[in-house]
């Protein structure tokens, strides 16, 4: 079931990436940063500023992680439009691989504390709401009220942990 969920999520992401929100672009011929996908993620990104990753790439990946956490890395790869590296290859000097791009953006969004921001991002991914299938099962067992409460508490605790990790890490 996870494979189907991941494919559906990535297809939805692709759909959002081909819809332009700025003028001068046609559908399916739009840079990802000018797409509906990036626009939605940019709206969410400021929430993560205290955690050091106020970047639309990171927030977009976290949004997809609600469906399945396995999609977080795939979402990052798609938002940076990074191809799969060739076997035994290393990034070029300009940093065209996903790791180099993430490093640069975490450094920029955290004021030079990229390592602390990356750790805070990982803590958030590990701690925030489990996938949609788990939430659906919680709803079946506990009902909507308890599930909504647990959802909110999990999100807040994940955010709080990420903020604490970043703030301590940048010291």
N, C-alpha and C. Protein backbone atom coordinates (compact mmCIF):
# COMPACT_ATOMS: atom_id res chain seq x y z
N UNK A 1 0.79 -1.20 0.00
CA UNK A 1 0.00 0.00 0.00
C UNK A 1 0.84 1.26 0.00
N UNK A 2 2.01 1.23 0.62
CA UNK A 2 2.84 2.43 0.70
C UNK A 2 3.32 2.85 -0.68
N UNK A 3 3.66 1.90 -1.54
CA UNK A 3 4.13 2.22 -2.89
C UNK A 3 3.09 2.98 -3.68
N UNK A 4 1.84 2.53 -3.59
CA UNK A 4 0.75 3.21 -4.30
C UNK A 4 0.57 4.62 -3.76
N UNK A 5 0.60 4.77 -2.45
CA UNK A 5 0.46 6.08 -1.82
C UNK A 5 1.58 7.02 -2.28
N UNK A 6 2.80 6.51 -2.31
CA UNK A 6 3.94 7.33 -2.73
C UNK A 6 3.78 7.76 -4.18
N UNK A 7 3.38 6.86 -5.04
CA UNK A 7 3.20 7.20 -6.47
C UNK A 7 2.09 8.24 -6.64
N UNK A 8 1.01 8.08 -5.91
CA UNK A 8 -0.09 9.05 -5.99
C UNK A 8 0.38 10.42 -5.50
N UNK A 9 1.13 10.43 -4.37
CA UNK A 9 1.61 11.71 -3.83
C UNK A 9 2.57 12.38 -4.79
N UNK A 10 3.49 11.63 -5.37
CA UNK A 10 4.44 12.21 -6.30
C UNK A 10 3.75 12.70 -7.57
N UNK A 11 2.71 12.01 -8.00
CA UNK A 11 1.93 12.46 -9.16
C UNK A 11 1.20 13.76 -8.83
N UNK A 12 0.63 13.86 -7.64
CA UNK A 12 -0.02 15.10 -7.21
C UNK A 12 1.00 16.24 -7.14
N UNK A 13 2.18 15.95 -6.58
CA UNK A 13 3.23 16.96 -6.53
C UNK A 13 3.59 17.44 -7.93
N UNK A 14 3.75 16.49 -8.84
CA UNK A 14 4.07 16.86 -10.22
C UNK A 14 2.97 17.74 -10.80
N UNK A 15 1.72 17.40 -10.52
CA UNK A 15 0.60 18.21 -11.00
C UNK A 15 0.66 19.63 -10.48
N UNK A 16 0.99 19.80 -9.21
CA UNK A 16 1.11 21.14 -8.63
C UNK A 16 2.32 21.89 -9.19
N UNK A 17 3.34 21.13 -9.58
CA UNK A 17 4.55 21.75 -10.11
C UNK A 17 4.39 22.28 -11.53
N UNK A 18 3.38 21.82 -12.25
CA UNK A 18 3.21 22.27 -13.64
C UNK A 18 2.21 23.40 -13.77
N UNK A 19 1.61 23.81 -12.67
CA UNK A 19 0.64 24.90 -12.69
C UNK A 19 1.34 26.19 -12.29
N UNK A 20 1.46 27.15 -13.23
CA UNK A 20 2.16 28.40 -12.91
C UNK A 20 1.29 29.33 -12.06
N UNK A 21 1.95 30.08 -11.18
CA UNK A 21 1.24 31.10 -10.39
C UNK A 21 1.72 32.50 -10.75
N UNK A 22 2.76 32.58 -11.54
CA UNK A 22 3.24 33.87 -12.02
C UNK A 22 3.03 33.94 -13.52
N UNK A 23 2.95 35.13 -14.04
CA UNK A 23 2.75 35.31 -15.47
C UNK A 23 3.98 34.92 -16.27
N UNK A 24 3.76 34.73 -17.56
CA UNK A 24 4.86 34.43 -18.45
C UNK A 24 5.18 32.96 -18.60
N UNK A 25 4.39 32.11 -17.97
CA UNK A 25 4.64 30.67 -18.07
C UNK A 25 3.37 29.98 -18.53
N UNK A 26 3.56 28.88 -19.23
CA UNK A 26 2.44 28.05 -19.63
C UNK A 26 2.42 26.81 -18.74
N UNK A 27 1.27 26.16 -18.69
CA UNK A 27 1.16 24.93 -17.92
C UNK A 27 2.18 23.94 -18.48
N UNK A 28 2.87 23.27 -17.58
CA UNK A 28 3.90 22.27 -17.88
C UNK A 28 5.20 22.88 -18.38
N UNK A 29 5.28 24.21 -18.45
CA UNK A 29 6.51 24.88 -18.84
C UNK A 29 6.78 26.00 -17.84
N UNK A 30 6.98 25.58 -16.61
CA UNK A 30 7.12 26.55 -15.52
C UNK A 30 8.27 26.11 -14.60
N UNK A 31 9.16 27.02 -14.24
CA UNK A 31 10.18 26.67 -13.24
C UNK A 31 9.49 26.32 -11.92
N UNK A 32 10.00 25.34 -11.21
CA UNK A 32 9.34 24.86 -10.00
C UNK A 32 9.11 25.98 -9.00
N UNK A 33 10.03 26.95 -8.92
CA UNK A 33 9.86 28.04 -7.94
C UNK A 33 8.72 28.98 -8.29
N UNK A 34 8.19 28.91 -9.53
CA UNK A 34 7.05 29.73 -9.94
C UNK A 34 5.75 28.92 -10.02
N UNK A 35 5.74 27.73 -9.44
CA UNK A 35 4.59 26.83 -9.54
C UNK A 35 3.68 26.93 -8.31
N UNK A 36 2.50 26.35 -8.44
CA UNK A 36 1.56 26.29 -7.33
C UNK A 36 2.14 25.51 -6.15
N UNK A 37 2.91 24.49 -6.45
CA UNK A 37 3.58 23.68 -5.43
C UNK A 37 4.45 24.57 -4.54
N UNK A 38 5.30 25.38 -5.16
CA UNK A 38 6.19 26.27 -4.41
C UNK A 38 5.41 27.34 -3.67
N UNK A 39 4.35 27.84 -4.28
CA UNK A 39 3.52 28.88 -3.65
C UNK A 39 2.90 28.38 -2.34
N UNK A 40 2.37 27.17 -2.37
CA UNK A 40 1.78 26.58 -1.16
C UNK A 40 2.86 26.40 -0.10
N UNK A 41 4.01 25.88 -0.51
CA UNK A 41 5.11 25.64 0.43
C UNK A 41 5.66 26.94 1.01
N UNK A 42 5.73 28.00 0.20
CA UNK A 42 6.22 29.29 0.68
C UNK A 42 5.28 29.89 1.73
N UNK A 43 4.01 29.57 1.64
CA UNK A 43 3.04 30.04 2.62
C UNK A 43 3.28 29.39 3.98
N UNK A 44 3.70 28.15 3.98
CA UNK A 44 3.92 27.39 5.21
C UNK A 44 5.31 27.64 5.80
N UNK A 45 6.29 27.93 4.97
CA UNK A 45 7.70 28.01 5.39
C UNK A 45 7.98 28.92 6.59
N UNK A 46 7.38 30.10 6.71
CA UNK A 46 7.71 30.97 7.85
C UNK A 46 7.46 30.35 9.23
N UNK A 47 6.58 29.37 9.30
CA UNK A 47 6.31 28.69 10.57
C UNK A 47 7.59 28.02 11.10
N UNK A 48 8.47 27.63 10.18
CA UNK A 48 9.67 26.89 10.57
C UNK A 48 10.90 27.77 10.77
N UNK A 49 10.73 29.08 10.70
CA UNK A 49 11.87 29.98 10.90
C UNK A 49 12.55 29.77 12.25
N UNK A 50 11.81 29.64 13.36
CA UNK A 50 12.49 29.43 14.64
C UNK A 50 13.26 28.10 14.71
N UNK A 51 12.93 27.17 13.81
CA UNK A 51 13.62 25.89 13.77
C UNK A 51 14.78 25.90 12.77
N UNK A 52 14.99 27.03 12.08
CA UNK A 52 16.13 27.18 11.21
C UNK A 52 15.95 26.73 9.78
N UNK A 53 14.76 26.27 9.43
CA UNK A 53 14.58 25.86 8.03
C UNK A 53 13.36 26.52 7.40
N UNK A 54 13.45 27.84 7.33
CA UNK A 54 12.42 28.66 6.69
C UNK A 54 12.68 28.66 5.18
N UNK A 55 12.49 27.50 4.56
CA UNK A 55 12.75 27.32 3.14
C UNK A 55 11.60 26.54 2.53
N UNK A 56 11.12 26.97 1.38
CA UNK A 56 9.96 26.33 0.79
C UNK A 56 10.24 24.88 0.39
N UNK A 57 11.47 24.54 0.05
CA UNK A 57 11.79 23.15 -0.31
C UNK A 57 11.51 22.23 0.89
N UNK A 58 11.96 22.66 2.06
CA UNK A 58 11.78 21.85 3.27
C UNK A 58 10.31 21.76 3.65
N UNK A 59 9.60 22.87 3.63
CA UNK A 59 8.19 22.83 4.02
C UNK A 59 7.36 22.03 3.02
N UNK A 60 7.70 22.09 1.74
CA UNK A 60 6.99 21.28 0.75
C UNK A 60 7.19 19.79 1.02
N UNK A 61 8.41 19.43 1.36
CA UNK A 61 8.70 18.02 1.66
C UNK A 61 7.93 17.57 2.90
N UNK A 62 7.84 18.44 3.90
CA UNK A 62 7.09 18.09 5.11
C UNK A 62 5.61 17.92 4.82
N UNK A 63 5.07 18.74 3.94
CA UNK A 63 3.66 18.60 3.58
C UNK A 63 3.39 17.25 2.92
N UNK A 64 4.28 16.82 2.05
CA UNK A 64 4.09 15.51 1.42
C UNK A 64 4.25 14.39 2.42
N UNK A 65 5.05 14.61 3.45
CA UNK A 65 5.26 13.60 4.47
C UNK A 65 4.01 13.26 5.26
N UNK A 66 2.99 14.11 5.20
CA UNK A 66 1.72 13.77 5.86
C UNK A 66 1.08 12.56 5.19
N UNK A 67 1.28 12.41 3.91
CA UNK A 67 0.72 11.27 3.21
C UNK A 67 1.54 10.03 3.50
N UNK A 68 2.83 10.13 3.36
CA UNK A 68 3.74 9.04 3.68
C UNK A 68 5.12 9.65 3.92
N UNK A 69 5.70 9.36 5.05
CA UNK A 69 7.00 9.97 5.36
C UNK A 69 8.06 9.56 4.36
N UNK A 70 7.84 8.45 3.67
CA UNK A 70 8.79 7.99 2.67
C UNK A 70 8.91 8.97 1.51
N UNK A 71 7.95 9.87 1.37
CA UNK A 71 7.96 10.80 0.24
C UNK A 71 8.79 12.05 0.51
N UNK A 72 9.28 12.23 1.73
CA UNK A 72 10.01 13.46 2.06
C UNK A 72 11.25 13.62 1.19
N UNK A 73 12.06 12.58 1.07
CA UNK A 73 13.27 12.68 0.26
C UNK A 73 12.92 12.83 -1.22
N UNK A 74 11.92 12.09 -1.68
CA UNK A 74 11.51 12.22 -3.09
C UNK A 74 10.99 13.62 -3.37
N UNK A 75 10.28 14.21 -2.42
CA UNK A 75 9.77 15.57 -2.60
C UNK A 75 10.92 16.57 -2.67
N UNK A 76 11.92 16.39 -1.85
CA UNK A 76 13.08 17.27 -1.91
C UNK A 76 13.76 17.15 -3.27
N UNK A 77 13.92 15.94 -3.71
CA UNK A 77 14.57 15.71 -5.00
C UNK A 77 13.77 16.35 -6.13
N UNK A 78 12.45 16.23 -6.08
CA UNK A 78 11.62 16.83 -7.12
C UNK A 78 11.64 18.35 -7.05
N UNK A 79 11.59 18.90 -5.86
CA UNK A 79 11.55 20.37 -5.77
C UNK A 79 12.87 21.00 -6.19
N UNK A 80 13.97 20.29 -5.99
CA UNK A 80 15.26 20.78 -6.47
C UNK A 80 15.54 20.33 -7.90
N UNK A 81 14.65 19.52 -8.43
CA UNK A 81 14.78 18.96 -9.77
C UNK A 81 16.14 18.31 -9.96
N UNK A 82 16.46 17.40 -9.05
CA UNK A 82 17.73 16.69 -9.07
C UNK A 82 17.51 15.32 -9.69
N UNK A 83 18.34 14.97 -10.64
CA UNK A 83 18.29 13.64 -11.23
C UNK A 83 18.97 12.65 -10.30
N UNK A 84 18.65 11.38 -10.49
CA UNK A 84 19.31 10.34 -9.71
C UNK A 84 20.77 10.29 -10.13
N UNK A 85 21.68 10.29 -9.16
CA UNK A 85 23.10 10.30 -9.53
C UNK A 85 23.51 8.98 -10.18
N UNK A 86 24.51 9.07 -11.02
CA UNK A 86 25.06 7.86 -11.61
C UNK A 86 25.80 7.09 -10.53
N UNK A 87 25.89 5.78 -10.72
CA UNK A 87 26.57 4.95 -9.75
C UNK A 87 28.03 5.39 -9.60
N UNK A 88 28.50 5.46 -8.37
CA UNK A 88 29.87 5.83 -8.04
C UNK A 88 30.26 7.23 -8.51
N UNK A 89 29.29 8.13 -8.67
CA UNK A 89 29.65 9.49 -9.08
C UNK A 89 29.62 10.41 -7.87
N UNK A 90 30.36 11.48 -7.99
CA UNK A 90 30.39 12.49 -6.93
C UNK A 90 29.84 13.79 -7.49
N UNK A 91 29.39 14.67 -6.60
CA UNK A 91 28.86 15.96 -7.04
C UNK A 91 29.96 16.78 -7.70
N UNK A 92 29.55 17.58 -8.66
CA UNK A 92 30.55 18.45 -9.28
C UNK A 92 30.85 19.62 -8.36
N UNK A 93 31.82 20.42 -8.74
CA UNK A 93 32.27 21.53 -7.89
C UNK A 93 31.18 22.55 -7.62
N UNK A 94 30.18 22.63 -8.50
CA UNK A 94 29.11 23.61 -8.32
C UNK A 94 28.03 23.11 -7.38
N UNK A 95 28.13 21.88 -6.93
CA UNK A 95 27.16 21.35 -5.98
C UNK A 95 25.82 21.05 -6.60
N UNK A 96 25.82 20.24 -7.65
CA UNK A 96 24.57 19.96 -8.33
C UNK A 96 23.80 18.80 -7.71
N UNK A 97 24.35 18.18 -6.69
CA UNK A 97 23.62 17.07 -6.09
C UNK A 97 22.68 17.57 -4.99
N UNK A 98 21.78 16.71 -4.60
CA UNK A 98 20.76 17.08 -3.61
C UNK A 98 21.39 17.49 -2.29
N UNK A 99 22.39 16.76 -1.83
CA UNK A 99 23.03 17.08 -0.56
C UNK A 99 23.63 18.48 -0.53
N UNK A 100 24.31 18.84 -1.61
CA UNK A 100 24.92 20.17 -1.68
C UNK A 100 23.86 21.26 -1.70
N UNK A 101 22.80 21.04 -2.41
CA UNK A 101 21.73 22.04 -2.46
C UNK A 101 21.04 22.18 -1.11
N UNK A 102 20.79 21.06 -0.46
CA UNK A 102 20.19 21.11 0.88
C UNK A 102 21.11 21.84 1.85
N UNK A 103 22.38 21.51 1.81
CA UNK A 103 23.36 22.15 2.69
C UNK A 103 23.34 23.67 2.49
N UNK A 104 23.35 24.10 1.25
CA UNK A 104 23.36 25.54 0.95
C UNK A 104 22.09 26.21 1.46
N UNK A 105 20.93 25.59 1.24
CA UNK A 105 19.68 26.21 1.68
C UNK A 105 19.52 26.19 3.19
N UNK A 106 19.94 25.10 3.85
CA UNK A 106 19.89 25.08 5.31
C UNK A 106 20.82 26.13 5.89
N UNK A 107 22.00 26.30 5.30
CA UNK A 107 22.92 27.34 5.76
C UNK A 107 22.29 28.73 5.60
N UNK A 108 21.67 28.96 4.44
CA UNK A 108 21.07 30.28 4.17
C UNK A 108 19.88 30.56 5.08
N UNK A 109 19.00 29.58 5.26
CA UNK A 109 17.78 29.82 6.04
C UNK A 109 18.03 29.86 7.54
N UNK A 110 19.19 29.36 7.97
CA UNK A 110 19.48 29.31 9.40
C UNK A 110 20.49 30.35 9.84
N UNK A 111 20.90 31.21 8.95
CA UNK A 111 21.89 32.22 9.30
C UNK A 111 23.27 31.63 9.52
N UNK A 112 23.60 30.59 8.77
CA UNK A 112 24.92 29.99 8.88
C UNK A 112 25.01 28.81 9.82
N UNK A 113 23.90 28.34 10.32
CA UNK A 113 23.88 27.20 11.23
C UNK A 113 23.18 26.02 10.56
N UNK A 114 23.67 25.67 9.37
CA UNK A 114 23.03 24.63 8.56
C UNK A 114 22.95 23.28 9.22
N UNK A 115 23.99 22.89 9.94
CA UNK A 115 23.98 21.59 10.62
C UNK A 115 22.88 21.51 11.66
N UNK A 116 22.73 22.57 12.43
CA UNK A 116 21.68 22.60 13.45
C UNK A 116 20.30 22.60 12.80
N UNK A 117 20.15 23.33 11.69
CA UNK A 117 18.87 23.36 10.98
C UNK A 117 18.54 22.00 10.39
N UNK A 118 19.54 21.33 9.82
CA UNK A 118 19.31 20.01 9.24
C UNK A 118 18.91 19.01 10.33
N UNK A 119 19.57 19.08 11.48
CA UNK A 119 19.21 18.20 12.59
C UNK A 119 17.79 18.50 13.07
N UNK A 120 17.43 19.78 13.16
CA UNK A 120 16.07 20.15 13.57
C UNK A 120 15.04 19.63 12.56
N UNK A 121 15.36 19.71 11.28
CA UNK A 121 14.47 19.18 10.23
C UNK A 121 14.27 17.67 10.41
N UNK A 122 15.37 16.96 10.66
CA UNK A 122 15.27 15.51 10.85
C UNK A 122 14.45 15.17 12.09
N UNK A 123 14.65 15.93 13.16
CA UNK A 123 13.87 15.70 14.38
C UNK A 123 12.38 15.93 14.10
N UNK A 124 12.07 17.00 13.36
CA UNK A 124 10.67 17.27 13.03
C UNK A 124 10.08 16.12 12.22
N UNK A 125 10.82 15.64 11.22
CA UNK A 125 10.32 14.54 10.38
C UNK A 125 10.05 13.30 11.23
N UNK A 126 10.94 13.01 12.16
CA UNK A 126 10.75 11.83 13.00
C UNK A 126 9.59 12.00 13.99
N UNK A 127 9.36 13.21 14.45
CA UNK A 127 8.40 13.42 15.53
C UNK A 127 7.00 13.82 15.08
N UNK A 128 6.86 14.39 13.87
CA UNK A 128 5.54 14.90 13.54
C UNK A 128 4.56 13.80 13.16
N UNK A 129 3.36 14.18 12.94
CA UNK A 129 2.25 13.27 12.70
C UNK A 129 2.61 12.12 11.77
N UNK A 130 2.26 10.91 12.17
CA UNK A 130 2.55 9.79 11.28
C UNK A 130 1.74 9.89 9.99
N UNK A 131 1.96 8.97 9.10
CA UNK A 131 1.32 9.02 7.79
C UNK A 131 -0.21 8.99 7.90
N UNK A 132 -0.83 9.33 6.81
CA UNK A 132 -2.29 9.44 6.75
C UNK A 132 -2.98 8.11 7.07
N UNK A 133 -2.34 6.98 6.74
CA UNK A 133 -2.92 5.68 7.06
C UNK A 133 -3.01 5.48 8.57
N UNK A 134 -1.99 5.92 9.30
CA UNK A 134 -1.99 5.83 10.76
C UNK A 134 -3.05 6.74 11.36
N UNK A 135 -3.17 7.94 10.82
CA UNK A 135 -4.19 8.88 11.29
C UNK A 135 -5.59 8.29 11.06
N UNK A 136 -5.78 7.66 9.91
CA UNK A 136 -7.07 7.04 9.61
C UNK A 136 -7.38 5.92 10.61
N UNK A 137 -6.38 5.15 10.96
CA UNK A 137 -6.58 4.07 11.93
C UNK A 137 -6.85 4.65 13.32
N UNK A 138 -6.17 5.73 13.69
CA UNK A 138 -6.46 6.39 14.96
C UNK A 138 -7.90 6.86 14.99
N UNK A 139 -8.36 7.42 13.88
CA UNK A 139 -9.74 7.91 13.80
C UNK A 139 -10.72 6.75 13.98
N UNK A 140 -10.41 5.61 13.37
CA UNK A 140 -11.29 4.44 13.48
C UNK A 140 -11.38 3.96 14.93
N UNK A 141 -10.25 3.98 15.62
CA UNK A 141 -10.21 3.46 16.99
C UNK A 141 -10.67 4.51 18.01
N UNK A 142 -10.21 5.75 17.85
CA UNK A 142 -10.43 6.77 18.86
C UNK A 142 -11.53 7.77 18.54
N UNK A 143 -11.91 7.89 17.27
CA UNK A 143 -12.88 8.90 16.86
C UNK A 143 -12.18 10.17 16.41
N UNK A 144 -12.96 11.07 15.76
CA UNK A 144 -12.39 12.30 15.20
C UNK A 144 -11.84 13.25 16.24
N UNK A 145 -12.55 13.38 17.36
CA UNK A 145 -12.14 14.36 18.37
C UNK A 145 -10.76 14.03 18.94
N UNK A 146 -10.56 12.80 19.36
CA UNK A 146 -9.27 12.38 19.92
C UNK A 146 -8.17 12.41 18.85
N UNK A 147 -8.52 12.01 17.64
CA UNK A 147 -7.54 12.01 16.55
C UNK A 147 -7.10 13.42 16.21
N UNK A 148 -8.04 14.35 16.14
CA UNK A 148 -7.69 15.74 15.85
C UNK A 148 -6.82 16.32 16.97
N UNK A 149 -7.14 16.00 18.20
CA UNK A 149 -6.33 16.46 19.32
C UNK A 149 -4.92 15.88 19.27
N UNK A 150 -4.82 14.58 19.00
CA UNK A 150 -3.51 13.94 18.90
C UNK A 150 -2.71 14.52 17.74
N UNK A 151 -3.38 14.79 16.64
CA UNK A 151 -2.74 15.39 15.46
C UNK A 151 -2.13 16.74 15.81
N UNK A 152 -2.90 17.58 16.48
CA UNK A 152 -2.42 18.90 16.88
C UNK A 152 -1.27 18.82 17.87
N UNK A 153 -1.39 17.95 18.86
CA UNK A 153 -0.34 17.80 19.86
C UNK A 153 0.95 17.29 19.21
N UNK A 154 0.82 16.30 18.32
CA UNK A 154 2.01 15.76 17.65
C UNK A 154 2.71 16.83 16.81
N UNK A 155 1.94 17.62 16.08
CA UNK A 155 2.53 18.69 15.28
C UNK A 155 3.23 19.72 16.16
N UNK A 156 2.56 20.13 17.22
CA UNK A 156 3.16 21.13 18.10
C UNK A 156 4.42 20.60 18.77
N UNK A 157 4.38 19.37 19.27
CA UNK A 157 5.56 18.80 19.93
C UNK A 157 6.73 18.64 18.95
N UNK A 158 6.43 18.23 17.72
CA UNK A 158 7.49 18.10 16.72
C UNK A 158 8.10 19.46 16.43
N UNK A 159 7.26 20.47 16.29
CA UNK A 159 7.76 21.84 16.04
C UNK A 159 8.59 22.31 17.22
N UNK A 160 8.09 22.11 18.42
CA UNK A 160 8.81 22.53 19.63
C UNK A 160 10.15 21.83 19.75
N UNK A 161 10.19 20.53 19.51
CA UNK A 161 11.45 19.79 19.55
C UNK A 161 12.44 20.32 18.51
N UNK A 162 11.94 20.58 17.30
CA UNK A 162 12.79 21.10 16.23
C UNK A 162 13.35 22.47 16.61
N UNK A 163 12.52 23.31 17.19
CA UNK A 163 12.97 24.64 17.61
C UNK A 163 14.04 24.51 18.70
N UNK A 164 13.81 23.66 19.68
CA UNK A 164 14.78 23.47 20.76
C UNK A 164 16.10 22.92 20.20
N UNK A 165 16.02 21.93 19.33
CA UNK A 165 17.24 21.36 18.74
C UNK A 165 18.01 22.42 17.98
N UNK A 166 17.32 23.23 17.19
CA UNK A 166 18.01 24.28 16.43
C UNK A 166 18.60 25.34 17.34
N UNK A 167 17.81 25.83 18.29
CA UNK A 167 18.28 26.91 19.15
C UNK A 167 19.48 26.47 19.99
N UNK A 168 19.44 25.24 20.50
CA UNK A 168 20.58 24.72 21.27
C UNK A 168 21.75 24.45 20.32
N UNK A 169 21.46 23.91 19.16
CA UNK A 169 22.51 23.57 18.19
C UNK A 169 23.27 24.77 17.67
N UNK A 170 22.62 25.90 17.57
CA UNK A 170 23.32 27.07 17.05
C UNK A 170 24.16 27.78 18.11
N UNK A 171 24.00 27.37 19.36
CA UNK A 171 24.86 27.92 20.43
C UNK A 171 26.24 27.34 20.27
